[in-house]
Amino acid sequence: KPPVDHCEEMLTAVGLSAGLAKSYPHQLSGGQRQRI
């Protein structure tokens, strides 16, 4: 079971907005995808 708020924490750790959690890969740039 993943930790609570894990997704948002990981996005923040790699310099991305937590709001990207609901996005899909095709909506992101190459640099954003590599951060994911």
PDB file of all heavy atoms in Angstrom:
ATOM      1  N   LYS A   1       0.840  -1.182   0.000  1.00  0.00           N
ATOM      2  CA  LYS A   1       0.000   0.000   0.000  1.00  0.00           C
ATOM      3  C   LYS A   1       0.880   1.239   0.000  1.00  0.00           C
ATOM      4  O   LYS A   1       1.766   1.384   0.853  1.00  0.00           O
ATOM      5  CB  LYS A   1      -0.906   0.007   1.231  1.00  0.00           C
ATOM      6  CG  LYS A   1      -1.892   1.175   1.251  1.00  0.00           C
ATOM      7  CD  LYS A   1      -2.808   1.093   2.474  1.00  0.00           C
ATOM      8  CE  LYS A   1      -3.784   2.262   2.485  1.00  0.00           C
ATOM      9  NZ  LYS A   1      -4.701   2.209   3.662  1.00  0.00           N
ATOM     10  N   PRO A   2       0.670   2.162  -0.952  1.00  0.00           N
ATOM     11  CA  PRO A   2       1.522   3.355  -1.009  1.00  0.00           C
ATOM     12  C   PRO A   2       1.246   4.303   0.151  1.00  0.00           C
ATOM     13  O   PRO A   2       0.134   4.340   0.688  1.00  0.00           O
ATOM     14  CB  PRO A   2       1.132   3.998  -2.336  1.00  0.00           C
ATOM     15  CG  PRO A   2      -0.255   3.526  -2.594  1.00  0.00           C
ATOM     16  CD  PRO A   2      -0.333   2.133  -2.033  1.00  0.00           C
ATOM     17  N   PRO A   3       2.256   5.074   0.552  1.00  0.00           N
ATOM     18  CA  PRO A   3       2.049   6.064   1.605  1.00  0.00           C
ATOM     19  C   PRO A   3       1.034   7.123   1.169  1.00  0.00           C
ATOM     20  O   PRO A   3       0.870   7.393  -0.024  1.00  0.00           O
ATOM     21  CB  PRO A   3       3.442   6.689   1.796  1.00  0.00           C
ATOM     22  CG  PRO A   3       4.396   5.720   1.178  1.00  0.00           C
ATOM     23  CD  PRO A   3       3.645   5.039   0.084  1.00  0.00           C
ATOM     24  N   VAL A   4       0.376   7.719   2.125  1.00  0.00           N
ATOM     25  CA  VAL A   4      -0.571   8.795   1.830  1.00  0.00           C
ATOM     26  C   VAL A   4       0.184   9.970   1.198  1.00  0.00           C
ATOM     27  O   VAL A   4       1.286  10.318   1.625  1.00  0.00           O
ATOM     28  CB  VAL A   4      -1.287   9.248   3.121  1.00  0.00           C
ATOM     29  CG1 VAL A   4      -2.223  10.415   2.827  1.00  0.00           C
ATOM     30  CG2 VAL A   4      -2.048   8.079   3.733  1.00  0.00           C
ATOM     31  N   ASP A   5      -0.411  10.552   0.168  1.00  0.00           N
ATOM     32  CA  ASP A   5       0.169  11.709  -0.525  1.00  0.00           C
ATOM     33  C   ASP A   5       1.499  11.405  -1.199  1.00  0.00           C
ATOM     34  O   ASP A   5       2.282  12.318  -1.507  1.00  0.00           O
ATOM     35  CB  ASP A   5       0.364  12.895   0.436  1.00  0.00           C
ATOM     36  CG  ASP A   5      -0.949  13.398   0.999  1.00  0.00           C
ATOM     37  OD1 ASP A   5      -1.978  13.302   0.293  1.00  0.00           O
ATOM     38  OD2 ASP A   5      -0.956  13.881   2.149  1.00  0.00           O
ATOM     39  N   HIS A   6       1.780  10.129  -1.446  1.00  0.00           N
ATOM     40  CA  HIS A   6       3.072   9.758  -2.047  1.00  0.00           C
ATOM     41  C   HIS A   6       3.233  10.374  -3.438  1.00  0.00           C
ATOM     42  O   HIS A   6       4.296  10.893  -3.779  1.00  0.00           O
ATOM     43  CB  HIS A   6       3.195   8.237  -2.144  1.00  0.00           C
ATOM     44  CG  HIS A   6       4.400   7.795  -2.913  1.00  0.00           C
ATOM     45  ND1 HIS A   6       5.657   7.792  -2.363  1.00  0.00           N
ATOM     46  CD2 HIS A   6       4.549   7.365  -4.205  1.00  0.00           C
ATOM     47  CE1 HIS A   6       6.528   7.369  -3.262  1.00  0.00           C
ATOM     48  NE2 HIS A   6       5.882   7.099  -4.391  1.00  0.00           N
ATOM     49  N   CYS A   7       2.188  10.326  -4.236  1.00  0.00           N
ATOM     50  CA  CYS A   7       2.267  10.830  -5.604  1.00  0.00           C
ATOM     51  C   CYS A   7       2.642  12.311  -5.616  1.00  0.00           C
ATOM     52  O   CYS A   7       3.541  12.736  -6.362  1.00  0.00           O
ATOM     53  CB  CYS A   7       0.932  10.607  -6.312  1.00  0.00           C
ATOM     54  SG  CYS A   7       0.904  11.171  -8.023  1.00  0.00           S
ATOM     55  N   GLU A   8       1.974  13.093  -4.804  1.00  0.00           N
ATOM     56  CA  GLU A   8       2.230  14.530  -4.764  1.00  0.00           C
ATOM     57  C   GLU A   8       3.650  14.804  -4.275  1.00  0.00           C
ATOM     58  O   GLU A   8       4.344  15.697  -4.789  1.00  0.00           O
ATOM     59  CB  GLU A   8       1.224  15.218  -3.845  1.00  0.00           C
ATOM     60  CG  GLU A   8      -0.206  15.260  -4.388  1.00  0.00           C
ATOM     61  CD  GLU A   8      -0.921  13.906  -4.295  1.00  0.00           C
ATOM     62  OE1 GLU A   8      -0.388  12.994  -3.610  1.00  0.00           O
ATOM     63  OE2 GLU A   8      -1.989  13.762  -4.905  1.00  0.00           O
ATOM     64  N   GLU A   9       4.121  14.024  -3.292  1.00  0.00           N
ATOM     65  CA  GLU A   9       5.476  14.212  -2.769  1.00  0.00           C
ATOM     66  C   GLU A   9       6.530  13.913  -3.823  1.00  0.00           C
ATOM     67  O   GLU A   9       7.530  14.636  -3.941  1.00  0.00           O
ATOM     68  CB  GLU A   9       5.681  13.307  -1.544  1.00  0.00           C
ATOM     69  CG  GLU A   9       4.889  13.728  -0.323  1.00  0.00           C
ATOM     70  CD  GLU A   9       5.059  12.751   0.828  1.00  0.00           C
ATOM     71  OE1 GLU A   9       5.856  11.798   0.670  1.00  0.00           O
ATOM     72  OE2 GLU A   9       4.419  12.951   1.868  1.00  0.00           O
ATOM     73  N   MET A  10       6.309  12.863  -4.606  1.00  0.00           N
ATOM     74  CA  MET A  10       7.288  12.493  -5.627  1.00  0.00           C
ATOM     75  C   MET A  10       7.322  13.518  -6.759  1.00  0.00           C
ATOM     76  O   MET A  10       8.382  13.837  -7.295  1.00  0.00           O
ATOM     77  CB  MET A  10       6.982  11.106  -6.182  1.00  0.00           C
ATOM     78  CG  MET A  10       7.174   9.979  -5.176  1.00  0.00           C
ATOM     79  SD  MET A  10       8.798  10.024  -4.367  1.00  0.00           S
ATOM     80  CE  MET A  10       9.906   9.912  -5.769  1.00  0.00           C
ATOM     81  N   LEU A  11       6.152  14.035  -7.130  1.00  0.00           N
ATOM     82  CA  LEU A  11       6.116  15.062  -8.160  1.00  0.00           C
ATOM     83  C   LEU A  11       6.879  16.307  -7.701  1.00  0.00           C
ATOM     84  O   LEU A  11       7.656  16.899  -8.464  1.00  0.00           O
ATOM     85  CB  LEU A  11       4.674  15.422  -8.502  1.00  0.00           C
ATOM     86  CG  LEU A  11       3.913  14.385  -9.325  1.00  0.00           C
ATOM     87  CD1 LEU A  11       2.428  14.742  -9.392  1.00  0.00           C
ATOM     88  CD2 LEU A  11       4.484  14.288 -10.741  1.00  0.00           C
ATOM     89  N   THR A  12       6.672  16.685  -6.465  1.00  0.00           N
ATOM     90  CA  THR A  12       7.378  17.849  -5.922  1.00  0.00           C
ATOM     91  C   THR A  12       8.876  17.600  -5.870  1.00  0.00           C
ATOM     92  O   THR A  12       9.683  18.495  -6.158  1.00  0.00           O
ATOM     93  CB  THR A  12       6.853  18.182  -4.521  1.00  0.00           C
ATOM     94  OG1 THR A  12       5.440  18.435  -4.580  1.00  0.00           O
ATOM     95  CG2 THR A  12       7.559  19.404  -3.947  1.00  0.00           C
ATOM     96  N   ALA A  13       9.271  16.370  -5.530  1.00  0.00           N
ATOM     97  CA  ALA A  13      10.695  16.027  -5.401  1.00  0.00           C
ATOM     98  C   ALA A  13      11.442  16.168  -6.712  1.00  0.00           C
ATOM     99  O   ALA A  13      12.642  16.464  -6.724  1.00  0.00           O
ATOM    100  CB  ALA A  13      10.843  14.604  -4.857  1.00  0.00           C
ATOM    101  N   VAL A  14      10.739  15.954  -7.832  1.00  0.00           N
ATOM    102  CA  VAL A  14      11.408  16.054  -9.131  1.00  0.00           C
ATOM    103  C   VAL A  14      11.093  17.382  -9.829  1.00  0.00           C
ATOM    104  O   VAL A  14      11.315  17.532 -11.024  1.00  0.00           O
ATOM    105  CB  VAL A  14      11.044  14.871 -10.048  1.00  0.00           C
ATOM    106  CG1 VAL A  14      11.533  13.561  -9.463  1.00  0.00           C
ATOM    107  CG2 VAL A  14       9.542  14.812 -10.329  1.00  0.00           C
ATOM    108  N   GLY A  15      10.580  18.337  -9.075  1.00  0.00           N
ATOM    109  CA  GLY A  15      10.386  19.673  -9.605  1.00  0.00           C
ATOM    110  C   GLY A  15       9.146  19.867 -10.448  1.00  0.00           C
ATOM    111  O   GLY A  15       9.107  20.776 -11.286  1.00  0.00           O
ATOM    112  N   LEU A  16       8.116  19.058 -10.224  1.00  0.00           N
ATOM    113  CA  LEU A  16       6.872  19.181 -10.984  1.00  0.00           C
ATOM    114  C   LEU A  16       5.719  19.553 -10.060  1.00  0.00           C
ATOM    115  O   LEU A  16       5.768  19.312  -8.850  1.00  0.00           O
ATOM    116  CB  LEU A  16       6.552  17.864 -11.702  1.00  0.00           C
ATOM    117  CG  LEU A  16       7.522  17.428 -12.798  1.00  0.00           C
ATOM    118  CD1 LEU A  16       7.139  16.055 -13.327  1.00  0.00           C
ATOM    119  CD2 LEU A  16       7.567  18.441 -13.935  1.00  0.00           C
ATOM    120  N   SER A  17       4.682  20.097 -10.656  1.00  0.00           N
ATOM    121  CA  SER A  17       3.500  20.483  -9.892  1.00  0.00           C
ATOM    122  C   SER A  17       2.694  19.251  -9.511  1.00  0.00           C
ATOM    123  O   SER A  17       2.510  18.331 -10.317  1.00  0.00           O
ATOM    124  CB  SER A  17       2.635  21.431 -10.718  1.00  0.00           C
ATOM    125  OG  SER A  17       1.359  21.599 -10.128  1.00  0.00           O
ATOM    126  N   ALA A  18       2.198  19.239  -8.277  1.00  0.00           N
ATOM    127  CA  ALA A  18       1.365  18.125  -7.826  1.00  0.00           C
ATOM    128  C   ALA A  18       0.088  18.022  -8.657  1.00  0.00           C
ATOM    129  O   ALA A  18      -0.525  16.955  -8.734  1.00  0.00           O
ATOM    130  CB  ALA A  18       1.017  18.311  -6.348  1.00  0.00           C
ATOM    131  N   GLY A  19      -0.287  19.112  -9.307  1.00  0.00           N
ATOM    132  CA  GLY A  19      -1.493  19.099 -10.127  1.00  0.00           C
ATOM    133  C   GLY A  19      -1.381  18.248 -11.383  1.00  0.00           C
ATOM    134  O   GLY A  19      -2.393  17.966 -12.041  1.00  0.00           O
ATOM    135  N   LEU A  20      -0.158  17.790 -11.725  1.00  0.00           N
ATOM    136  CA  LEU A  20       0.025  16.941 -12.909  1.00  0.00           C
ATOM    137  C   LEU A  20      -0.397  15.498 -12.678  1.00  0.00           C
ATOM    138  O   LEU A  20      -0.387  14.701 -13.618  1.00  0.00           O
ATOM    139  CB  LEU A  20       1.494  16.970 -13.353  1.00  0.00           C
ATOM    140  CG  LEU A  20       2.004  18.278 -13.955  1.00  0.00           C
ATOM    141  CD1 LEU A  20       3.493  18.168 -14.268  1.00  0.00           C
ATOM    142  CD2 LEU A  20       1.223  18.627 -15.210  1.00  0.00           C
ATOM    143  N   ALA A  21      -0.773  15.158 -11.463  1.00  0.00           N
ATOM    144  CA  ALA A  21      -1.096  13.766 -11.133  1.00  0.00           C
ATOM    145  C   ALA A  21      -2.213  13.202 -12.006  1.00  0.00           C
ATOM    146  O   ALA A  21      -2.222  12.003 -12.317  1.00  0.00           O
ATOM    147  CB  ALA A  21      -1.464  13.652  -9.656  1.00  0.00           C
ATOM    148  N   LYS A  22      -3.151  14.051 -12.421  1.00  0.00           N
ATOM    149  CA  LYS A  22      -4.282  13.578 -13.217  1.00  0.00           C
ATOM    150  C   LYS A  22      -4.002  13.632 -14.725  1.00  0.00           C
ATOM    151  O   LYS A  22      -4.850  13.216 -15.523  1.00  0.00           O
ATOM    152  CB  LYS A  22      -5.524  14.416 -12.897  1.00  0.00           C
ATOM    153  CG  LYS A  22      -6.007  14.269 -11.452  1.00  0.00           C
ATOM    154  CD  LYS A  22      -7.253  15.110 -11.204  1.00  0.00           C
ATOM    155  CE  LYS A  22      -7.735  14.967  -9.766  1.00  0.00           C
ATOM    156  NZ  LYS A  22      -8.953  15.789  -9.511  1.00  0.00           N
ATOM    157  N   SER A  23      -2.833  14.123 -15.101  1.00  0.00           N
ATOM    158  CA  SER A  23      -2.487  14.227 -16.517  1.00  0.00           C
ATOM    159  C   SER A  23      -2.042  12.880 -17.070  1.00  0.00           C
ATOM    160  O   SER A  23      -1.819  11.916 -16.327  1.00  0.00           O
ATOM    161  CB  SER A  23      -1.366  15.257 -16.702  1.00  0.00           C
ATOM    162  OG  SER A  23      -1.750  16.520 -16.226  1.00  0.00           O
ATOM    163  N   TYR A  24      -1.878  12.827 -18.401  1.00  0.00           N
ATOM    164  CA  TYR A  24      -1.384  11.631 -19.085  1.00  0.00           C
ATOM    165  C   TYR A  24      -0.083  11.979 -19.803  1.00  0.00           C
ATOM    166  O   TYR A  24       0.178  13.152 -20.109  1.00  0.00           O
ATOM    167  CB  TYR A  24      -2.436  11.119 -20.073  1.00  0.00           C
ATOM    168  CG  TYR A  24      -3.593  10.438 -19.384  1.00  0.00           C
ATOM    169  CD1 TYR A  24      -4.634  11.188 -18.839  1.00  0.00           C
ATOM    170  CD2 TYR A  24      -3.621   9.052 -19.258  1.00  0.00           C
ATOM    171  CE1 TYR A  24      -5.697  10.560 -18.181  1.00  0.00           C
ATOM    172  CE2 TYR A  24      -4.681   8.422 -18.604  1.00  0.00           C
ATOM    173  CZ  TYR A  24      -5.708   9.173 -18.068  1.00  0.00           C
ATOM    174  OH  TYR A  24      -6.742   8.554 -17.412  1.00  0.00           O
ATOM    175  N   PRO A  25       0.758  10.978 -20.084  1.00  0.00           N
ATOM    176  CA  PRO A  25       2.069  11.254 -20.674  1.00  0.00           C
ATOM    177  C   PRO A  25       2.038  12.117 -21.923  1.00  0.00           C
ATOM    178  O   PRO A  25       2.914  12.968 -22.111  1.00  0.00           O
ATOM    179  CB  PRO A  25       2.615   9.850 -20.968  1.00  0.00           C
ATOM    180  CG  PRO A  25       1.997   8.988 -19.918  1.00  0.00           C
ATOM    181  CD  PRO A  25       0.609   9.550 -19.737  1.00  0.00           C
ATOM    182  N   HIS A  26       1.036  11.931 -22.779  1.00  0.00           N
ATOM    183  CA  HIS A  26       1.014  12.694 -24.033  1.00  0.00           C
ATOM    184  C   HIS A  26       0.790  14.184 -23.806  1.00  0.00           C
ATOM    185  O   HIS A  26       1.010  14.995 -24.713  1.00  0.00           O
ATOM    186  CB  HIS A  26      -0.070  12.144 -24.974  1.00  0.00           C
ATOM    187  CG  HIS A  26      -1.468  12.485 -24.574  1.00  0.00           C
ATOM    188  ND1 HIS A  26      -2.188  11.706 -23.684  1.00  0.00           N
ATOM    189  CD2 HIS A  26      -2.274  13.529 -24.913  1.00  0.00           C
ATOM    190  CE1 HIS A  26      -3.379  12.247 -23.507  1.00  0.00           C
ATOM    191  NE2 HIS A  26      -3.467  13.351 -24.246  1.00  0.00           N
ATOM    192  N   GLN A  27       0.373  14.549 -22.607  1.00  0.00           N
ATOM    193  CA  GLN A  27       0.122  15.952 -22.297  1.00  0.00           C
ATOM    194  C   GLN A  27       1.368  16.661 -21.757  1.00  0.00           C
ATOM    195  O   GLN A  27       1.323  17.857 -21.498  1.00  0.00           O
ATOM    196  CB  GLN A  27      -1.016  16.060 -21.281  1.00  0.00           C
ATOM    197  CG  GLN A  27      -2.351  15.526 -21.790  1.00  0.00           C
ATOM    198  CD  GLN A  27      -3.419  15.509 -20.711  1.00  0.00           C
ATOM    199  OE1 GLN A  27      -3.267  14.861 -19.678  1.00  0.00           O
ATOM    200  NE2 GLN A  27      -4.494  16.257 -20.956  1.00  0.00           N
ATOM    201  N   LEU A  28       2.449  15.920 -21.588  1.00  0.00           N
ATOM    202  CA  LEU A  28       3.663  16.474 -20.989  1.00  0.00           C
ATOM    203  C   LEU A  28       4.771  16.635 -22.023  1.00  0.00           C
ATOM    204  O   LEU A  28       4.792  15.951 -23.049  1.00  0.00           O
ATOM    205  CB  LEU A  28       4.157  15.564 -19.857  1.00  0.00           C
ATOM    206  CG  LEU A  28       3.151  15.202 -18.769  1.00  0.00           C
ATOM    207  CD1 LEU A  28       3.823  14.359 -17.702  1.00  0.00           C
ATOM    208  CD2 LEU A  28       2.541  16.461 -18.151  1.00  0.00           C
ATOM    209  N   SER A  29       5.717  17.519 -21.737  1.00  0.00           N
ATOM    210  CA  SER A  29       6.897  17.682 -22.579  1.00  0.00           C
ATOM    211  C   SER A  29       7.879  16.538 -22.325  1.00  0.00           C
ATOM    212  O   SER A  29       7.729  15.768 -21.362  1.00  0.00           O
ATOM    213  CB  SER A  29       7.574  19.021 -22.274  1.00  0.00           C
ATOM    214  OG  SER A  29       8.128  18.994 -20.963  1.00  0.00           O
ATOM    215  N   GLY A  30       8.923  16.448 -23.175  1.00  0.00           N
ATOM    216  CA  GLY A  30       9.919  15.393 -22.999  1.00  0.00           C
ATOM    217  C   GLY A  30      10.631  15.490 -21.663  1.00  0.00           C
ATOM    218  O   GLY A  30      10.858  14.480 -20.979  1.00  0.00           O
ATOM    219  N   GLY A  31      10.988  16.709 -21.256  1.00  0.00           N
ATOM    220  CA  GLY A  31      11.650  16.886 -19.973  1.00  0.00           C
ATOM    221  C   GLY A  31      10.760  16.507 -18.804  1.00  0.00           C
ATOM    222  O   GLY A  31      11.213  15.896 -17.824  1.00  0.00           O
ATOM    223  N   GLN A  32       9.470  16.853 -18.888  1.00  0.00           N
ATOM    224  CA  GLN A  32       8.532  16.481 -17.833  1.00  0.00           C
ATOM    225  C   GLN A  32       8.364  14.966 -17.765  1.00  0.00           C
ATOM    226  O   GLN A  32       8.303  14.387 -16.674  1.00  0.00           O
ATOM    227  CB  GLN A  32       7.185  17.150 -18.073  1.00  0.00           C
ATOM    228  CG  GLN A  32       7.181  18.646 -17.831  1.00  0.00           C
ATOM    229  CD  GLN A  32       5.856  19.281 -18.201  1.00  0.00           C
ATOM    230  OE1 GLN A  32       5.222  18.928 -19.206  1.00  0.00           O
ATOM    231  NE2 GLN A  32       5.402  20.238 -17.386  1.00  0.00           N
ATOM    232  N   ARG A  33       8.292  14.337 -18.918  1.00  0.00           N
ATOM    233  CA  ARG A  33       8.161  12.872 -18.929  1.00  0.00           C
ATOM    234  C   ARG A  33       9.373  12.207 -18.286  1.00  0.00           C
ATOM    235  O   ARG A  33       9.228  11.225 -17.544  1.00  0.00           O
ATOM    236  CB  ARG A  33       8.014  12.370 -20.357  1.00  0.00           C
ATOM    237  CG  ARG A  33       6.722  12.772 -21.033  1.00  0.00           C
ATOM    238  CD  ARG A  33       6.589  12.070 -22.365  1.00  0.00           C
ATOM    239  NE  ARG A  33       5.562  12.696 -23.199  1.00  0.00           N
ATOM    240  CZ  ARG A  33       5.058  12.143 -24.286  1.00  0.00           C
ATOM    241  NH1 ARG A  33       5.483  10.962 -24.673  1.00  0.00           N
ATOM    242  NH2 ARG A  33       4.145  12.764 -24.995  1.00  0.00           N
ATOM    243  N   GLN A  34      10.563  12.735 -18.580  1.00  0.00           N
ATOM    244  CA  GLN A  34      11.744  12.113 -17.977  1.00  0.00           C
ATOM    245  C   GLN A  34      11.763  12.322 -16.468  1.00  0.00           C
ATOM    246  O   GLN A  34      12.208  11.447 -15.722  1.00  0.00           O
ATOM    247  CB  GLN A  34      13.022  12.658 -18.622  1.00  0.00           C
ATOM    248  CG  GLN A  34      14.275  11.839 -18.322  1.00  0.00           C
ATOM    249  CD  GLN A  34      14.172  10.407 -18.807  1.00  0.00           C
ATOM    250  OE1 GLN A  34      13.362   9.603 -18.306  1.00  0.00           O
ATOM    251  NE2 GLN A  34      14.998  10.056 -19.771  1.00  0.00           N
ATOM    252  N   ARG A  35      11.257  13.450 -16.003  1.00  0.00           N
ATOM    253  CA  ARG A  35      11.139  13.662 -14.554  1.00  0.00           C
ATOM    254  C   ARG A  35      10.161  12.662 -13.938  1.00  0.00           C
ATOM    255  O   ARG A  35      10.373  12.181 -12.821  1.00  0.00           O
ATOM    256  CB  ARG A  35      10.700  15.100 -14.260  1.00  0.00           C
ATOM    257  CG  ARG A  35      11.779  16.140 -14.536  1.00  0.00           C
ATOM    258  CD  ARG A  35      11.256  17.562 -14.390  1.00  0.00           C
ATOM    259  NE  ARG A  35      12.247  18.546 -14.770  1.00  0.00           N
ATOM    260  CZ  ARG A  35      13.070  19.169 -13.921  1.00  0.00           C
ATOM    261  NH1 ARG A  35      12.994  18.903 -12.624  1.00  0.00           N
ATOM    262  NH2 ARG A  35      13.950  20.049 -14.362  1.00  0.00           N
ATOM    263  N   ILE A  36       9.106  12.337 -14.673  1.00  0.00           N
ATOM    264  CA  ILE A  36       8.170  11.313 -14.196  1.00  0.00           C
ATOM    265  C   ILE A  36       8.871   9.964 -14.127  1.00  0.00           C
ATOM    266  O   ILE A  36       8.689   9.194 -13.173  1.00  0.00           O
ATOM    267  CB  ILE A  36       6.937  11.230 -15.117  1.00  0.00           C
ATOM    268  CG1 ILE A  36       6.138  12.545 -15.074  1.00  0.00           C
ATOM    269  CG2 ILE A  36       6.050  10.051 -14.720  1.00  0.00           C
ATOM    270  CD1 ILE A  36       5.614  12.912 -13.708  1.00  0.00           C
TER     271      ILE A  36
END
